[in-house]
Amino acid sequence: MSAGARTVFITGASRGIGRAIALRCARAGQRVVVTGKTDAPHPKLSGTIHSVAAEVQAAGGEALALQLDVRDEQAVSAAVARAAGHFGGIDVLVNNASAISLTATPATPLRRWDLMQQVNARGTFACAQACLPWLERSPNPHILTLSPPLNLKPRWFRDHVAYSISKYGMSLCTLGFAAEFADRGIAANSLWPRTTIGTAAVEVYFPQAMSASRTPQIVADAAWWILGQPARDCTGNFFVDEDVLRAAGVRDFSGYALTPGAPLAADLFLD
């Protein structure tokens, strides 16, 4: 990322990949807006926006913790306004918040469909829309969305069509934002992991893959590299974490493995 402190607004930052990106930015002295729904300890999940904000500060960054449900239009607008007022602007938006249900059509209640569409595609759009006036003022503005490359092979829809549509909705936002905002110099890219990542979601939906997963740090390191590129020269890409880091010169990925030496499990949507 370019020299000097910048303000990075991250959704879903109380744990997992969002937390890892927050801490990676913090180690470079960035100003991090830690948003998420969890503002009090959860009985089953570790981390809150406040605990991550404290970690950000301990790692060398500045932090602002804001409770946020990205489904709430007014709450999104208020959070963005408060963050911009607190830090004097917003330079980067990381759309990490996501809902998941890997269920077939008969097993997906419409309320779950609504949740995934509202958090994933709608939340991505709402946060970008609210941040846009501030991004336009930044010298190197980026929108980075944690969503997969657009792969329309039927196998990626067959078993969980509702979830796939919601994640591809996020990716379609990247495609559209990159074209729409190109003349404003705002980068819009997506990032997706090559392997499963050891997060709470994987523990619930792919418990057998936990030992075959990598840590969220690999995604955070790839995100940091992307956010450091000149916005006008790096937009409209569907990046994969391992490919990003290989291009950046990384050759040894063993340190990212949750279980050293274990075979790795491929993530969804990648052939």
Protein backbone atom coordinates (compact mmCIF):
# COMPACT_ATOMS: atom_id res chain seq x y z
CA MET A 1 0.00 0.00 0.00
CA SER A 2 1.23 3.49 -0.68
CA ALA A 3 3.19 5.30 1.97
CA GLY A 4 1.36 6.97 4.80
CA ALA A 5 -1.61 6.01 6.89
CA ARG A 6 -4.83 5.31 5.04
CA THR A 7 -8.30 4.48 6.29
CA VAL A 8 -9.48 0.93 5.61
CA PHE A 9 -13.17 0.15 6.20
CA ILE A 10 -13.66 -3.62 6.68
CA THR A 11 -16.99 -5.43 6.99
CA GLY A 12 -17.25 -8.65 8.97
CA ALA A 13 -13.99 -7.92 10.77
CA SER A 14 -14.64 -9.48 14.17
CA ARG A 15 -13.04 -12.81 13.24
CA GLY A 16 -11.61 -14.93 10.45
CA ILE A 17 -10.42 -13.34 7.22
CA GLY A 18 -11.75 -9.89 8.10
CA ARG A 19 -9.79 -9.87 11.35
CA ALA A 20 -6.64 -11.08 9.58
CA ILE A 21 -6.88 -8.28 7.01
CA ALA A 22 -7.43 -5.75 9.79
CA LEU A 23 -4.31 -6.90 11.62
CA ARG A 24 -2.23 -6.96 8.43
CA CYS A 25 -3.20 -3.34 7.79
CA ALA A 26 -2.50 -2.48 11.41
CA ARG A 27 1.07 -3.79 11.20
CA ALA A 28 1.66 -1.17 8.50
CA GLY A 29 0.27 1.60 10.69
CA GLN A 30 -3.05 1.99 8.88
CA ARG A 31 -6.30 3.36 10.27
CA VAL A 32 -8.75 0.47 10.45
CA VAL A 33 -12.52 0.68 10.78
CA VAL A 34 -13.50 -2.65 12.35
CA THR A 35 -17.17 -3.35 11.62
CA GLY A 36 -19.34 -6.36 12.34
CA LYS A 37 -22.46 -7.48 14.14
CA THR A 38 -20.64 -8.95 17.16
CA ASP A 39 -20.08 -6.24 19.74
CA ALA A 40 -20.38 -8.53 22.78
CA PRO A 41 -18.82 -11.96 23.39
CA HIS A 42 -20.61 -14.74 21.50
CA PRO A 43 -21.21 -18.06 23.28
CA LYS A 44 -19.88 -20.11 20.34
CA LEU A 45 -17.69 -17.75 18.32
CA SER A 46 -14.52 -15.98 19.38
CA GLY A 47 -13.90 -12.29 18.80
CA THR A 48 -15.83 -9.05 18.82
CA ILE A 49 -15.34 -5.77 17.01
CA HIS A 50 -13.89 -4.38 20.24
CA SER A 51 -11.40 -7.21 20.77
CA VAL A 52 -10.18 -6.86 17.18
CA ALA A 53 -9.93 -3.08 17.54
CA ALA A 54 -7.73 -3.64 20.59
CA GLU A 55 -5.55 -6.04 18.58
CA VAL A 56 -5.28 -3.49 15.78
CA GLN A 57 -4.03 -0.86 18.21
CA ALA A 58 -1.59 -3.30 19.80
CA ALA A 59 -0.24 -4.14 16.32
CA GLY A 60 0.53 -0.49 15.56
CA GLY A 61 -2.60 0.76 13.81
CA GLU A 62 -5.42 3.08 14.74
CA ALA A 63 -8.86 1.55 15.22
CA LEU A 64 -12.51 2.46 15.31
CA ALA A 65 -14.97 -0.29 16.22
CA LEU A 66 -18.48 0.09 14.80
CA GLN A 67 -21.32 -2.37 15.14
CA LEU A 68 -22.84 -2.84 11.69
CA ASP A 69 -25.39 -5.05 10.00
CA VAL A 70 -24.74 -4.51 6.29
CA ARG A 71 -28.40 -5.33 5.54
CA ASP A 72 -29.46 -2.07 7.19
CA GLU A 73 -29.17 0.80 4.71
CA GLN A 74 -29.34 3.53 7.35
CA ALA A 75 -26.81 1.75 9.55
CA VAL A 76 -24.38 1.46 6.62
CA SER A 77 -24.70 5.16 5.84
CA ALA A 78 -24.26 6.10 9.49
CA ALA A 79 -21.20 3.86 9.94
CA VAL A 80 -19.50 5.22 6.84
CA ALA A 81 -20.22 8.80 7.88
CA ARG A 82 -18.90 8.18 11.38
CA ALA A 83 -15.75 6.48 10.08
CA ALA A 84 -15.05 9.25 7.59
CA GLY A 85 -15.65 11.89 10.24
CA HIS A 86 -13.42 10.14 12.75
CA PHE A 87 -10.48 9.55 10.41
CA GLY A 88 -11.02 12.29 7.84
CA GLY A 89 -12.01 10.05 4.94
CA ILE A 90 -12.07 6.48 3.61
CA ASP A 91 -9.43 5.15 1.21
CA VAL A 92 -10.24 1.44 1.08
CA LEU A 93 -13.39 -0.65 1.39
CA VAL A 94 -13.03 -4.36 2.07
CA ASN A 95 -16.30 -6.24 1.54
CA ASN A 96 -15.73 -9.30 3.67
CA ALA A 97 -19.09 -9.79 5.44
CA SER A 98 -20.83 -12.86 4.09
CA ALA A 99 -23.57 -15.35 4.94
CA ILE A 100 -23.39 -18.99 3.93
CA SER A 101 -25.73 -21.97 3.66
CA LEU A 102 -24.50 -24.83 1.50
CA THR A 103 -27.95 -26.33 1.08
CA ALA A 104 -29.91 -27.70 -1.86
CA THR A 105 -33.04 -25.94 -3.06
CA PRO A 106 -35.57 -27.99 -0.99
CA ALA A 107 -33.47 -27.48 2.14
CA THR A 108 -33.04 -23.70 1.78
CA PRO A 109 -35.82 -21.74 3.52
CA LEU A 110 -36.60 -18.47 1.78
CA ARG A 111 -35.56 -16.59 4.89
CA ARG A 112 -32.08 -18.09 4.41
CA TRP A 113 -32.14 -17.13 0.74
CA ASP A 114 -33.03 -13.58 1.76
CA LEU A 115 -30.25 -13.47 4.35
CA MET A 116 -27.57 -14.53 1.87
CA GLN A 117 -28.73 -12.16 -0.86
CA GLN A 118 -29.01 -9.26 1.59
CA VAL A 119 -25.67 -9.75 3.31
CA ASN A 120 -23.63 -10.84 0.31
CA ALA A 121 -24.69 -9.04 -2.88
CA ARG A 122 -26.83 -6.27 -1.38
CA GLY A 123 -24.39 -5.57 1.45
CA THR A 124 -21.49 -5.29 -0.99
CA PHE A 125 -23.44 -2.85 -3.14
CA ALA A 126 -24.69 -0.80 -0.18
CA CYS A 127 -21.23 -0.38 1.36
CA ALA A 128 -19.66 0.61 -1.97
CA GLN A 129 -22.44 3.10 -2.63
CA ALA A 130 -22.03 4.69 0.80
CA CYS A 131 -18.21 4.82 0.60
CA LEU A 132 -18.09 6.13 -2.97
CA PRO A 133 -18.05 9.89 -2.17
CA TRP A 134 -15.06 9.33 0.13
CA LEU A 135 -13.24 6.96 -2.20
CA GLU A 136 -13.45 9.59 -4.93
CA ARG A 137 -11.36 11.90 -2.72
CA SER A 138 -8.63 9.33 -2.02
CA PRO A 139 -5.34 9.36 -3.94
CA ASN A 140 -5.38 5.56 -4.34
CA PRO A 141 -8.88 4.20 -3.66
CA HIS A 142 -9.66 0.50 -3.65
CA ILE A 143 -12.73 -1.68 -3.26
CA LEU A 144 -11.75 -5.28 -2.47
CA THR A 145 -14.49 -7.91 -2.26
CA LEU A 146 -14.03 -11.42 -0.90
CA SER A 147 -15.80 -13.31 -3.67
CA PRO A 148 -14.91 -15.92 -6.28
CA PRO A 149 -14.03 -15.73 -9.95
CA LEU A 150 -17.13 -15.97 -12.13
CA ASN A 151 -17.30 -19.66 -12.99
CA LEU A 152 -20.64 -20.64 -14.52
CA LYS A 153 -20.11 -24.38 -14.68
CA PRO A 154 -23.27 -26.14 -13.42
CA ARG A 155 -21.31 -28.09 -10.79
CA TRP A 156 -20.90 -24.91 -8.76
CA PHE A 157 -24.66 -24.37 -8.64
CA ARG A 158 -25.98 -27.91 -8.39
CA ASP A 159 -25.62 -28.43 -4.65
CA HIS A 160 -26.11 -24.89 -3.29
CA VAL A 161 -27.68 -22.67 -5.91
CA ALA A 162 -28.80 -19.99 -3.44
CA TYR A 163 -25.34 -19.53 -1.95
CA SER A 164 -23.65 -19.56 -5.35
CA ILE A 165 -25.96 -16.86 -6.67
CA SER A 166 -25.28 -14.68 -3.63
CA LYS A 167 -21.49 -14.99 -3.91
CA TYR A 168 -21.51 -14.44 -7.66
CA GLY A 169 -23.65 -11.38 -6.97
CA MET A 170 -20.70 -9.99 -5.05
CA SER A 171 -18.40 -10.82 -7.96
CA LEU A 172 -20.75 -9.16 -10.42
CA CYS A 173 -20.49 -6.03 -8.27
CA THR A 174 -16.73 -6.15 -8.80
CA LEU A 175 -17.20 -6.52 -12.55
CA GLY A 176 -19.60 -3.60 -12.68
CA PHE A 177 -17.76 -1.32 -10.25
CA ALA A 178 -14.48 -1.74 -12.13
CA ALA A 179 -16.08 -0.56 -15.36
CA GLU A 180 -18.28 2.11 -13.80
CA PHE A 181 -15.59 3.70 -11.65
CA ALA A 182 -12.63 3.34 -14.04
CA ASP A 183 -12.67 6.98 -15.06
CA ARG A 184 -12.71 7.98 -11.38
CA GLY A 185 -9.59 5.99 -10.64
CA ILE A 186 -11.27 3.67 -8.14
CA ALA A 187 -10.04 0.08 -8.25
CA ALA A 188 -12.52 -2.75 -7.78
CA ASN A 189 -11.19 -6.29 -7.42
CA SER A 190 -12.24 -9.62 -5.95
CA LEU A 191 -10.08 -12.02 -3.95
CA TRP A 192 -10.71 -15.71 -3.25
CA PRO A 193 -8.63 -18.41 -1.52
CA ARG A 194 -7.13 -21.32 -3.44
CA THR A 195 -7.75 -23.64 -0.47
CA THR A 196 -10.23 -23.74 2.35
CA ILE A 197 -9.36 -21.31 5.13
CA GLY A 198 -9.55 -22.25 8.79
CA THR A 199 -12.48 -20.06 9.82
CA ALA A 200 -15.67 -20.63 11.80
CA ALA A 201 -17.61 -21.16 8.55
CA VAL A 202 -15.28 -23.95 7.44
CA GLU A 203 -15.46 -25.52 10.89
CA VAL A 204 -19.27 -25.67 10.58
CA TYR A 205 -19.67 -26.63 6.91
CA PHE A 206 -16.42 -28.48 6.16
CA PRO A 207 -15.22 -29.83 9.54
CA GLN A 208 -13.30 -32.55 7.72
CA ALA A 209 -11.37 -29.85 5.87
CA MET A 210 -10.11 -27.94 8.91
CA SER A 211 -6.88 -29.91 9.10
CA ALA A 212 -6.46 -29.45 5.34
CA SER A 213 -6.93 -25.68 5.44
CA ARG A 214 -4.66 -22.67 5.49
CA THR A 215 -4.75 -19.81 7.97
CA PRO A 216 -6.56 -16.55 7.15
CA GLN A 217 -3.13 -14.89 7.00
CA ILE A 218 -2.60 -16.00 3.40
CA VAL A 219 -5.69 -14.09 2.29
CA ALA A 220 -4.66 -11.08 4.35
CA ASP A 221 -1.17 -11.03 2.81
CA ALA A 222 -2.65 -11.25 -0.69
CA ALA A 223 -5.14 -8.50 0.13
CA TRP A 224 -2.33 -6.26 1.35
CA TRP A 225 -0.45 -6.71 -1.92
CA ILE A 226 -3.55 -5.84 -3.98
CA LEU A 227 -4.29 -2.76 -1.91
CA GLY A 228 -0.75 -1.56 -2.48
CA GLN A 229 -1.12 -1.41 -6.27
CA PRO A 230 -1.92 1.80 -8.15
CA ALA A 231 -5.70 1.83 -8.40
CA ARG A 232 -5.83 2.86 -12.06
CA ASP A 233 -3.53 0.00 -13.06
CA CYS A 234 -5.08 -2.78 -10.98
CA THR A 235 -8.83 -3.10 -11.34
CA GLY A 236 -11.42 -5.57 -12.61
CA ASN A 237 -9.44 -8.62 -11.46
CA PHE A 238 -10.62 -11.84 -9.86
CA PHE A 239 -7.56 -12.70 -7.83
CA VAL A 240 -6.74 -15.99 -6.11
CA ASP A 241 -4.61 -15.61 -2.99
CA GLU A 242 -1.88 -18.08 -3.88
CA ASP A 243 -1.51 -16.68 -7.40
CA VAL A 244 -1.19 -13.15 -6.03
CA LEU A 245 1.57 -14.13 -3.64
CA ARG A 246 3.42 -16.17 -6.26
CA ALA A 247 3.43 -13.10 -8.50
CA ALA A 248 4.78 -11.13 -5.54
CA GLY A 249 7.68 -13.57 -5.19
CA VAL A 250 6.46 -15.98 -2.50
CA ARG A 251 7.58 -19.55 -3.13
CA ASP A 252 7.14 -21.28 0.22
CA PHE A 253 3.53 -21.51 1.42
CA SER A 254 4.11 -24.11 4.11
CA GLY A 255 3.87 -21.52 6.89
CA TYR A 256 0.24 -20.87 6.04
CA ALA A 257 -0.89 -24.46 6.65
CA LEU A 258 -2.98 -25.13 9.74
CA THR A 259 -1.54 -28.65 9.82
CA PRO A 260 2.04 -28.72 8.52
CA GLY A 261 2.49 -31.28 5.77
CA ALA A 262 -1.19 -32.17 5.42
CA PRO A 263 -2.75 -32.31 1.93
CA LEU A 264 -4.73 -29.15 1.24
CA ALA A 265 -8.45 -28.97 0.40
CA ALA A 266 -9.43 -26.86 -2.61
CA ASP A 267 -12.01 -24.13 -2.04
CA LEU A 268 -15.32 -23.82 -3.85
CA PHE A 269 -15.70 -22.32 -7.34
CA LEU A 270 -12.16 -23.11 -8.52
CA ASP A 271 -11.47 -25.81 -11.11
